[in-house]
Amino acid sequence: MMGGLALAAIPLPSLARMPFRLGLTPVFLDNDAEIIERLHQALSTAMDREIELVQRRTYAEVTGLLLTDTLDAAWLCGFPYLQHADALDLLAVPVWQGKPLYRSYLIAARGTQATGLSDLRGATHAFSDPDSNSGYLVTATDLIRMGARAETWFSRSIFAYGHRNVVRAVAEGLVDSGSVDGYVWETLAKVEPELTRGTRVIGKSEWLGFPPVCVGKDAAGNEASRALRQALIGLPESMAGRAALSALQLDGFQEAPAGLFDGIARRMRLLES
């Protein structure tokens, strides 16, 4: 009995002091230390809680950590979100150039003569990630609409695991072409023009839902998730938040409107068929 009383007297760690674990995939310039630090500072200040930003190489790794509650939330892509929509909930979506939308870009090396996907038969190609909408799904389904398959259309294809890596692979001549997030390419064109200068945009998809921040359905209504949503949507209201948004080249975050990811869902059905 005494041992039990002594054990009960040991203070347990406060949940409020535990870091909030936010997973990051390569949906943005996630290997830029300054961007990571500005986002960390802004969210930690807004939530009045330590934020642990967890980075992994692939979308599947981060999604798996979120599904197993190893993460409290994650900045995913619309493709993996829809793959696991029964287990995940939308928390917020970024706003870029006034809309919660972006496009997939098809890029080619500056010196090539290609003007579209139809010119890339037999070329070498870099995808970003097999679970990326802009970095795989769009091109794969565009080829299906042409009666072709990515596996046989290109002479060789690789996964670069990161949109910046795709741009670099094309710019440095490692591959002839690539599938990349248009937001990332446009941002790189501003902050690293020497990198995008070696590439040309030869195709753009329709506007699609911007990669969202997600939580598990069981955590969607808890205090921490509500605090993160409020922190994200409130970023323009603080100096630290505006600095983070400026680094990310984003206008802000908002709640996801109904039907935002319908375009990605249609492409997923096409891929599955």
C-alpha atoms as a PDB file:
ATOM      1  CA  MET A   1       0.000   0.000   0.000  1.00  0.00           C
ATOM      2  CA  MET A   2       2.827   2.359   0.907  1.00  0.00           C
ATOM      3  CA  GLY A   3       4.570   1.563  -2.378  1.00  0.00           C
ATOM      4  CA  GLY A   4       1.376   2.344  -4.249  1.00  0.00           C
ATOM      5  CA  LEU A   5       0.992   5.677  -2.473  1.00  0.00           C
ATOM      6  CA  ALA A   6       4.606   6.571  -3.181  1.00  0.00           C
ATOM      7  CA  LEU A   7       4.170   5.733  -6.852  1.00  0.00           C
ATOM      8  CA  ALA A   8       1.000   7.811  -7.073  1.00  0.00           C
ATOM      9  CA  ALA A   9       2.870  10.799  -5.691  1.00  0.00           C
ATOM     10  CA  ILE A  10       5.272  10.849  -8.623  1.00  0.00           C
ATOM     11  CA  PRO A  11       4.077  13.682 -10.918  1.00  0.00           C
ATOM     12  CA  LEU A  12       3.054  12.563 -14.390  1.00  0.00           C
ATOM     13  CA  PRO A  13       4.116  14.643 -17.413  1.00  0.00           C
ATOM     14  CA  SER A  14       1.543  17.205 -18.462  1.00  0.00           C
ATOM     15  CA  LEU A  15       0.035  16.566 -21.885  1.00  0.00           C
ATOM     16  CA  ALA A  16       0.162  20.296 -22.493  1.00  0.00           C
ATOM     17  CA  ARG A  17       3.967  20.157 -22.212  1.00  0.00           C
ATOM     18  CA  MET A  18       4.350  17.316 -24.683  1.00  0.00           C
ATOM     19  CA  PRO A  19       5.434  18.463 -28.154  1.00  0.00           C
ATOM     20  CA  PHE A  20       2.788  18.495 -30.862  1.00  0.00           C
ATOM     21  CA  ARG A  21       4.153  16.251 -33.633  1.00  0.00           C
ATOM     22  CA  LEU A  22       3.516  17.648 -37.118  1.00  0.00           C
ATOM     23  CA  GLY A  23       4.677  15.544 -40.044  1.00  0.00           C
ATOM     24  CA  LEU A  24       6.059  17.101 -43.216  1.00  0.00           C
ATOM     25  CA  THR A  25       6.257  15.493 -46.642  1.00  0.00           C
ATOM     26  CA  PRO A  26       8.095  16.931 -49.669  1.00  0.00           C
ATOM     27  CA  VAL A  27       4.967  18.910 -50.654  1.00  0.00           C
ATOM     28  CA  PHE A  28       6.930  22.124 -50.310  1.00  0.00           C
ATOM     29  CA  LEU A  29      10.527  23.249 -49.925  1.00  0.00           C
ATOM     30  CA  ASP A  30      10.995  21.050 -46.895  1.00  0.00           C
ATOM     31  CA  ASN A  31      14.792  20.827 -47.041  1.00  0.00           C
ATOM     32  CA  ASP A  32      15.202  24.559 -46.514  1.00  0.00           C
ATOM     33  CA  ALA A  33      16.271  25.017 -42.889  1.00  0.00           C
ATOM     34  CA  GLU A  34      15.138  28.645 -42.748  1.00  0.00           C
ATOM     35  CA  ILE A  35      11.618  27.786 -43.897  1.00  0.00           C
ATOM     36  CA  ILE A  36      11.385  24.938 -41.400  1.00  0.00           C
ATOM     37  CA  GLU A  37      12.527  27.169 -38.548  1.00  0.00           C
ATOM     38  CA  ARG A  38      10.116  29.992 -39.410  1.00  0.00           C
ATOM     39  CA  LEU A  39       7.200  27.558 -39.561  1.00  0.00           C
ATOM     40  CA  HIS A  40       8.285  26.008 -36.271  1.00  0.00           C
ATOM     41  CA  GLN A  41       8.509  29.380 -34.508  1.00  0.00           C
ATOM     42  CA  ALA A  42       5.172  30.642 -35.835  1.00  0.00           C
ATOM     43  CA  LEU A  43       3.203  27.534 -34.887  1.00  0.00           C
ATOM     44  CA  SER A  44       4.880  27.085 -31.504  1.00  0.00           C
ATOM     45  CA  THR A  45       4.101  30.692 -30.609  1.00  0.00           C
ATOM     46  CA  ALA A  46       0.513  30.556 -31.866  1.00  0.00           C
ATOM     47  CA  MET A  47      -0.265  27.266 -30.100  1.00  0.00           C
ATOM     48  CA  ASP A  48       1.734  28.187 -26.980  1.00  0.00           C
ATOM     49  CA  ARG A  49       3.193  24.726 -27.190  1.00  0.00           C
ATOM     50  CA  GLU A  50       6.359  23.128 -28.461  1.00  0.00           C
ATOM     51  CA  ILE A  51       6.029  21.837 -32.017  1.00  0.00           C
ATOM     52  CA  GLU A  52       8.097  18.900 -33.243  1.00  0.00           C
ATOM     53  CA  LEU A  53       8.351  18.941 -37.032  1.00  0.00           C
ATOM     54  CA  VAL A  54       8.880  15.387 -38.250  1.00  0.00           C
ATOM     55  CA  GLN A  55      10.308  14.938 -41.733  1.00  0.00           C
ATOM     56  CA  ARG A  56      10.480  11.731 -43.752  1.00  0.00           C
ATOM     57  CA  ARG A  57      11.635  10.931 -47.272  1.00  0.00           C
ATOM     58  CA  THR A  58       8.404   9.471 -48.640  1.00  0.00           C
ATOM     59  CA  TYR A  59       4.714  10.297 -48.468  1.00  0.00           C
ATOM     60  CA  ALA A  60       3.982   6.713 -47.398  1.00  0.00           C
ATOM     61  CA  GLU A  61       6.223   7.005 -44.338  1.00  0.00           C
ATOM     62  CA  VAL A  62       4.558  10.188 -43.086  1.00  0.00           C
ATOM     63  CA  THR A  63       1.059   8.893 -43.849  1.00  0.00           C
ATOM     64  CA  GLY A  64       1.835   5.687 -41.980  1.00  0.00           C
ATOM     65  CA  LEU A  65       3.015   7.608 -38.927  1.00  0.00           C
ATOM     66  CA  LEU A  66      -0.205   9.636 -38.932  1.00  0.00           C
ATOM     67  CA  LEU A  67      -2.412   6.565 -39.316  1.00  0.00           C
ATOM     68  CA  THR A  68      -0.720   4.895 -36.346  1.00  0.00           C
ATOM     69  CA  ASP A  69      -1.028   8.022 -34.144  1.00  0.00           C
ATOM     70  CA  THR A  70       2.738   8.494 -34.041  1.00  0.00           C
ATOM     71  CA  LEU A  71       2.036  11.969 -35.415  1.00  0.00           C
ATOM     72  CA  ASP A  72      -0.639  14.386 -34.242  1.00  0.00           C
ATOM     73  CA  ALA A  73      -1.093  15.907 -37.701  1.00  0.00           C
ATOM     74  CA  ALA A  74       0.648  15.926 -41.080  1.00  0.00           C
ATOM     75  CA  TRP A  75       0.950  18.107 -44.160  1.00  0.00           C
ATOM     76  CA  LEU A  76       0.108  15.519 -46.797  1.00  0.00           C
ATOM     77  CA  CYS A  77      -0.935  15.534 -50.443  1.00  0.00           C
ATOM     78  CA  GLY A  78      -4.464  15.185 -51.771  1.00  0.00           C
ATOM     79  CA  PHE A  79      -3.653  11.738 -53.199  1.00  0.00           C
ATOM     80  CA  PRO A  80      -2.710  10.005 -49.895  1.00  0.00           C
ATOM     81  CA  TYR A  81      -5.457  11.918 -48.102  1.00  0.00           C
ATOM     82  CA  LEU A  82      -8.062  10.438 -50.445  1.00  0.00           C
ATOM     83  CA  GLN A  83      -6.434   7.006 -50.230  1.00  0.00           C
ATOM     84  CA  HIS A  84      -7.147   7.073 -46.486  1.00  0.00           C
ATOM     85  CA  ALA A  85     -10.151   9.419 -46.335  1.00  0.00           C
ATOM     86  CA  ASP A  86     -12.002   6.941 -44.109  1.00  0.00           C
ATOM     87  CA  ALA A  87      -9.349   7.391 -41.409  1.00  0.00           C
ATOM     88  CA  LEU A  88      -8.266  11.022 -41.921  1.00  0.00           C
ATOM     89  CA  ASP A  89      -9.895  14.421 -41.558  1.00  0.00           C
ATOM     90  CA  LEU A  90      -9.021  17.729 -43.235  1.00  0.00           C
ATOM     91  CA  LEU A  91      -7.727  20.365 -40.848  1.00  0.00           C
ATOM     92  CA  ALA A  92      -6.737  23.204 -43.165  1.00  0.00           C
ATOM     93  CA  VAL A  93      -5.522  23.804 -46.689  1.00  0.00           C
ATOM     94  CA  PRO A  94      -2.959  26.366 -47.900  1.00  0.00           C
ATOM     95  CA  VAL A  95      -3.978  29.346 -50.021  1.00  0.00           C
ATOM     96  CA  TRP A  96      -1.628  30.094 -52.914  1.00  0.00           C
ATOM     97  CA  GLN A  97      -2.130  33.017 -55.283  1.00  0.00           C
ATOM     98  CA  GLY A  98      -5.548  33.640 -53.762  1.00  0.00           C
ATOM     99  CA  LYS A  99      -6.889  30.071 -54.069  1.00  0.00           C
ATOM    100  CA  PRO A 100      -6.531  26.713 -52.258  1.00  0.00           C
ATOM    101  CA  LEU A 101      -5.439  25.255 -55.587  1.00  0.00           C
ATOM    102  CA  TYR A 102      -2.317  24.330 -57.502  1.00  0.00           C
ATOM    103  CA  ARG A 103      -1.341  22.501 -60.679  1.00  0.00           C
ATOM    104  CA  SER A 104       1.013  19.768 -61.732  1.00  0.00           C
ATOM    105  CA  TYR A 105       3.735  20.860 -64.146  1.00  0.00           C
ATOM    106  CA  LEU A 106       5.379  18.718 -66.767  1.00  0.00           C
ATOM    107  CA  ILE A 107       8.914  20.005 -67.240  1.00  0.00           C
ATOM    108  CA  ALA A 108      11.680  19.216 -69.695  1.00  0.00           C
ATOM    109  CA  ALA A 109      15.336  20.062 -69.950  1.00  0.00           C
ATOM    110  CA  ARG A 110      15.944  23.507 -71.426  1.00  0.00           C
ATOM    111  CA  GLY A 111      17.686  22.168 -74.529  1.00  0.00           C
ATOM    112  CA  THR A 112      15.072  19.585 -75.551  1.00  0.00           C
ATOM    113  CA  GLN A 113      12.577  20.146 -78.362  1.00  0.00           C
ATOM    114  CA  ALA A 114       9.623  18.543 -76.544  1.00  0.00           C
ATOM    115  CA  THR A 115       6.471  20.638 -76.310  1.00  0.00           C
ATOM    116  CA  GLY A 116       4.210  18.184 -74.476  1.00  0.00           C
ATOM    117  CA  LEU A 117       3.777  14.705 -73.073  1.00  0.00           C
ATOM    118  CA  SER A 118       3.265  13.212 -76.528  1.00  0.00           C
ATOM    119  CA  ASP A 119       6.849  14.201 -77.409  1.00  0.00           C
ATOM    120  CA  LEU A 120       8.344  12.330 -74.462  1.00  0.00           C
ATOM    121  CA  ARG A 121       7.895   8.765 -75.688  1.00  0.00           C
ATOM    122  CA  GLY A 122      11.150   6.950 -75.027  1.00  0.00           C
ATOM    123  CA  ALA A 123      12.487   9.761 -72.824  1.00  0.00           C
ATOM    124  CA  THR A 124      13.858   9.382 -69.323  1.00  0.00           C
ATOM    125  CA  HIS A 125      11.571  10.838 -66.662  1.00  0.00           C
ATOM    126  CA  ALA A 126      11.627  11.769 -62.971  1.00  0.00           C
ATOM    127  CA  PHE A 127       8.555  11.412 -60.779  1.00  0.00           C
ATOM    128  CA  SER A 128       8.466  12.827 -57.270  1.00  0.00           C
ATOM    129  CA  ASP A 129       6.761  10.070 -55.267  1.00  0.00           C
ATOM    130  CA  PRO A 130       4.351   7.217 -56.116  1.00  0.00           C
ATOM    131  CA  ASP A 131       1.796   8.772 -53.727  1.00  0.00           C
ATOM    132  CA  SER A 132       2.147  12.308 -55.119  1.00  0.00           C
ATOM    133  CA  ASN A 133      -0.707  13.818 -57.110  1.00  0.00           C
ATOM    134  CA  SER A 134       1.337  16.396 -59.005  1.00  0.00           C
ATOM    135  CA  GLY A 135       4.500  14.313 -58.995  1.00  0.00           C
ATOM    136  CA  TYR A 136       2.997  11.084 -60.321  1.00  0.00           C
ATOM    137  CA  LEU A 137      -0.800  10.711 -60.520  1.00  0.00           C
ATOM    138  CA  VAL A 138      -1.405  13.508 -63.038  1.00  0.00           C
ATOM    139  CA  THR A 139       1.161  12.303 -65.568  1.00  0.00           C
ATOM    140  CA  ALA A 140       0.207   8.651 -65.088  1.00  0.00           C
ATOM    141  CA  THR A 141      -3.457   9.382 -65.772  1.00  0.00           C
ATOM    142  CA  ASP A 142      -2.696  11.743 -68.657  1.00  0.00           C
ATOM    143  CA  LEU A 143      -0.882   8.812 -70.272  1.00  0.00           C
ATOM    144  CA  ILE A 144      -3.834   6.498 -69.599  1.00  0.00           C
ATOM    145  CA  ARG A 145      -6.062   8.986 -71.440  1.00  0.00           C
ATOM    146  CA  MET A 146      -3.616   8.709 -74.335  1.00  0.00           C
ATOM    147  CA  GLY A 147      -3.923   4.919 -74.255  1.00  0.00           C
ATOM    148  CA  ALA A 148      -0.446   4.495 -72.767  1.00  0.00           C
ATOM    149  CA  ARG A 149       1.219   3.584 -69.482  1.00  0.00           C
ATOM    150  CA  ALA A 150       4.038   5.324 -67.654  1.00  0.00           C
ATOM    151  CA  GLU A 151       5.886   2.027 -67.290  1.00  0.00           C
ATOM    152  CA  THR A 152       6.269   1.630 -71.051  1.00  0.00           C
ATOM    153  CA  TRP A 153       5.977   5.207 -72.362  1.00  0.00           C
ATOM    154  CA  PHE A 154       9.285   6.288 -70.855  1.00  0.00           C
ATOM    155  CA  SER A 155      12.473   4.390 -71.558  1.00  0.00           C
ATOM    156  CA  ARG A 156      13.369   4.791 -67.879  1.00  0.00           C
ATOM    157  CA  SER A 157      11.678   6.518 -64.964  1.00  0.00           C
ATOM    158  CA  ILE A 158      12.846   7.220 -61.429  1.00  0.00           C
ATOM    159  CA  PHE A 159      11.338   8.502 -58.197  1.00  0.00           C
ATOM    160  CA  ALA A 160      13.358  11.450 -56.938  1.00  0.00           C
ATOM    161  CA  TYR A 161      11.437  11.755 -53.612  1.00  0.00           C
ATOM    162  CA  GLY A 162      11.087  15.511 -53.488  1.00  0.00           C
ATOM    163  CA  HIS A 163       9.866  18.072 -56.018  1.00  0.00           C
ATOM    164  CA  ARG A 164      13.071  20.078 -55.781  1.00  0.00           C
ATOM    165  CA  ASN A 165      14.927  16.852 -56.561  1.00  0.00           C
ATOM    166  CA  VAL A 166      12.838  16.416 -59.717  1.00  0.00           C
ATOM    167  CA  VAL A 167      13.692  19.927 -60.886  1.00  0.00           C
ATOM    168  CA  ARG A 168      17.355  19.354 -60.154  1.00  0.00           C
ATOM    169  CA  ALA A 169      17.398  16.016 -61.986  1.00  0.00           C
ATOM    170  CA  VAL A 170      15.962  17.643 -65.105  1.00  0.00           C
ATOM    171  CA  ALA A 171      18.112  20.781 -64.880  1.00  0.00           C
ATOM    172  CA  GLU A 172      21.313  18.774 -64.487  1.00  0.00           C
ATOM    173  CA  GLY A 173      20.516  16.445 -67.383  1.00  0.00           C
ATOM    174  CA  LEU A 174      20.066  13.318 -65.297  1.00  0.00           C
ATOM    175  CA  VAL A 175      16.677  12.831 -66.986  1.00  0.00           C
ATOM    176  CA  ASP A 176      14.921  14.388 -69.956  1.00  0.00           C
ATOM    177  CA  SER A 177      11.715  15.383 -68.184  1.00  0.00           C
ATOM    178  CA  GLY A 178       9.870  15.381 -64.878  1.00  0.00           C
ATOM    179  CA  SER A 179       6.520  15.686 -63.099  1.00  0.00           C
ATOM    180  CA  VAL A 180       6.534  18.355 -60.414  1.00  0.00           C
ATOM    181  CA  ASP A 181       4.348  20.451 -58.136  1.00  0.00           C
ATOM    182  CA  GLY A 182       3.663  23.737 -59.942  1.00  0.00           C
ATOM    183  CA  TYR A 183       3.724  25.681 -56.668  1.00  0.00           C
ATOM    184  CA  VAL A 184       7.196  24.327 -55.908  1.00  0.00           C
ATOM    185  CA  TRP A 185       8.477  25.099 -59.421  1.00  0.00           C
ATOM    186  CA  GLU A 186       7.104  28.647 -59.311  1.00  0.00           C
ATOM    187  CA  THR A 187       8.559  29.210 -55.844  1.00  0.00           C
ATOM    188  CA  LEU A 188      11.939  27.879 -56.919  1.00  0.00           C
ATOM    189  CA  ALA A 189      11.806  30.192 -59.929  1.00  0.00           C
ATOM    190  CA  LYS A 190      11.744  33.086 -57.445  1.00  0.00           C
ATOM    191  CA  VAL A 191      14.176  31.856 -54.798  1.00  0.00           C
ATOM    192  CA  GLU A 192      16.498  29.609 -56.866  1.00  0.00           C
ATOM    193  CA  PRO A 193      16.160  30.850 -60.456  1.00  0.00           C
ATOM    194  CA  GLU A 194      19.485  29.305 -61.376  1.00  0.00           C
ATOM    195  CA  LEU A 195      17.903  25.882 -60.780  1.00  0.00           C
ATOM    196  CA  THR A 196      14.680  26.310 -62.749  1.00  0.00           C
ATOM    197  CA  ARG A 197      16.558  28.118 -65.528  1.00  0.00           C
ATOM    198  CA  GLY A 198      17.715  24.725 -66.785  1.00  0.00           C
ATOM    199  CA  THR A 199      14.118  23.541 -67.244  1.00  0.00           C
ATOM    200  CA  ARG A 200      11.057  24.450 -69.314  1.00  0.00           C
ATOM    201  CA  VAL A 201       7.407  23.975 -68.390  1.00  0.00           C
ATOM    202  CA  ILE A 202       5.814  22.088 -71.294  1.00  0.00           C
ATOM    203  CA  GLY A 203       2.498  21.160 -69.701  1.00  0.00           C
ATOM    204  CA  LYS A 204       0.170  22.189 -66.889  1.00  0.00           C
ATOM    205  CA  SER A 205      -2.717  20.257 -65.372  1.00  0.00           C
ATOM    206  CA  GLU A 206      -6.106  21.628 -64.412  1.00  0.00           C
ATOM    207  CA  TRP A 207      -6.335  23.370 -61.029  1.00  0.00           C
ATOM    208  CA  LEU A 208      -6.483  20.797 -58.209  1.00  0.00           C
ATOM    209  CA  GLY A 209      -6.830  20.865 -54.417  1.00  0.00           C
ATOM    210  CA  PHE A 210      -3.658  22.080 -52.694  1.00  0.00           C
ATOM    211  CA  PRO A 211      -1.923  19.535 -50.408  1.00  0.00           C
ATOM    212  CA  PRO A 212      -3.815  19.684 -47.074  1.00  0.00           C
ATOM    213  CA  VAL A 213      -2.923  19.434 -43.397  1.00  0.00           C
ATOM    214  CA  CYS A 214      -4.676  16.358 -41.993  1.00  0.00           C
ATOM    215  CA  VAL A 215      -5.353  14.655 -38.669  1.00  0.00           C
ATOM    216  CA  GLY A 216      -6.768  11.281 -37.755  1.00  0.00           C
ATOM    217  CA  LYS A 217     -10.557  11.231 -37.527  1.00  0.00           C
ATOM    218  CA  ASP A 218     -10.401  10.337 -33.831  1.00  0.00           C
ATOM    219  CA  ALA A 219      -8.327  13.463 -33.167  1.00  0.00           C
ATOM    220  CA  ALA A 220     -10.248  15.857 -35.408  1.00  0.00           C
ATOM    221  CA  GLY A 221     -12.175  17.512 -32.619  1.00  0.00           C
ATOM    222  CA  ASN A 222      -9.651  17.460 -29.815  1.00  0.00           C
ATOM    223  CA  GLU A 223      -8.137  20.569 -28.289  1.00  0.00           C
ATOM    224  CA  ALA A 224      -4.731  20.176 -29.930  1.00  0.00           C
ATOM    225  CA  SER A 225      -6.173  19.781 -33.426  1.00  0.00           C
ATOM    226  CA  ARG A 226      -8.416  22.802 -32.959  1.00  0.00           C
ATOM    227  CA  ALA A 227      -5.416  24.797 -31.745  1.00  0.00           C
ATOM    228  CA  LEU A 228      -3.388  23.838 -34.823  1.00  0.00           C
ATOM    229  CA  ARG A 229      -6.246  24.782 -37.168  1.00  0.00           C
ATOM    230  CA  GLN A 230      -6.566  28.144 -35.429  1.00  0.00           C
ATOM    231  CA  ALA A 231      -2.797  28.658 -35.556  1.00  0.00           C
ATOM    232  CA  LEU A 232      -2.624  27.904 -39.279  1.00  0.00           C
ATOM    233  CA  ILE A 233      -5.582  30.063 -40.228  1.00  0.00           C
ATOM    234  CA  GLY A 234      -4.308  32.844 -37.961  1.00  0.00           C
ATOM    235  CA  LEU A 235      -0.756  32.970 -39.367  1.00  0.00           C
ATOM    236  CA  PRO A 236      -1.319  36.295 -41.201  1.00  0.00           C
ATOM    237  CA  GLU A 237      -2.189  37.958 -37.881  1.00  0.00           C
ATOM    238  CA  SER A 238       1.296  37.754 -36.339  1.00  0.00           C
ATOM    239  CA  MET A 239       4.743  38.885 -37.392  1.00  0.00           C
ATOM    240  CA  ALA A 240       6.139  35.349 -37.000  1.00  0.00           C
ATOM    241  CA  GLY A 241       3.226  33.946 -38.972  1.00  0.00           C
ATOM    242  CA  ARG A 242       3.661  36.423 -41.804  1.00  0.00           C
ATOM    243  CA  ALA A 243       7.374  35.620 -41.921  1.00  0.00           C
ATOM    244  CA  ALA A 244       6.572  31.902 -42.216  1.00  0.00           C
ATOM    245  CA  LEU A 245       4.019  32.508 -44.969  1.00  0.00           C
ATOM    246  CA  SER A 246       6.453  34.751 -46.820  1.00  0.00           C
ATOM    247  CA  ALA A 247       9.118  32.050 -46.690  1.00  0.00           C
ATOM    248  CA  LEU A 248       6.586  29.498 -47.934  1.00  0.00           C
ATOM    249  CA  GLN A 249       5.330  31.896 -50.650  1.00  0.00           C
ATOM    250  CA  LEU A 250       1.768  31.263 -49.420  1.00  0.00           C
ATOM    251  CA  ASP A 251      -1.108  33.673 -48.717  1.00  0.00           C
ATOM    252  CA  GLY A 252      -2.343  31.723 -45.718  1.00  0.00           C
ATOM    253  CA  PHE A 253      -4.467  28.707 -44.759  1.00  0.00           C
ATOM    254  CA  GLN A 254      -8.222  28.150 -44.769  1.00  0.00           C
ATOM    255  CA  GLU A 255     -10.729  25.390 -44.121  1.00  0.00           C
ATOM    256  CA  ALA A 256     -11.106  23.126 -47.139  1.00  0.00           C
ATOM    257  CA  PRO A 257     -14.225  23.888 -49.214  1.00  0.00           C
ATOM    258  CA  ALA A 258     -16.513  21.012 -50.206  1.00  0.00           C
ATOM    259  CA  GLY A 259     -15.412  19.192 -53.343  1.00  0.00           C
ATOM    260  CA  LEU A 260     -11.882  20.570 -53.268  1.00  0.00           C
ATOM    261  CA  PHE A 261     -10.338  17.200 -54.060  1.00  0.00           C
ATOM    262  CA  ASP A 262     -12.913  15.947 -56.563  1.00  0.00           C
ATOM    263  CA  GLY A 263     -10.481  16.427 -59.451  1.00  0.00           C
ATOM    264  CA  ILE A 264      -7.853  14.248 -57.773  1.00  0.00           C
ATOM    265  CA  ALA A 265     -10.533  11.658 -56.958  1.00  0.00           C
ATOM    266  CA  ARG A 266     -11.479  11.444 -60.648  1.00  0.00           C
ATOM    267  CA  ARG A 267      -7.861  10.820 -61.595  1.00  0.00           C
ATOM    268  CA  MET A 268      -7.548   8.150 -58.897  1.00  0.00           C
ATOM    269  CA  ARG A 269     -10.564   6.313 -60.328  1.00  0.00           C
ATOM    270  CA  LEU A 270      -8.992   6.477 -63.766  1.00  0.00           C
ATOM    271  CA  LEU A 271      -5.732   5.045 -62.436  1.00  0.00           C
ATOM    272  CA  GLU A 272      -7.564   2.243 -60.639  1.00  0.00           C
ATOM    273  CA  SER A 273      -9.569   1.364 -63.744  1.00  0.00           C
END
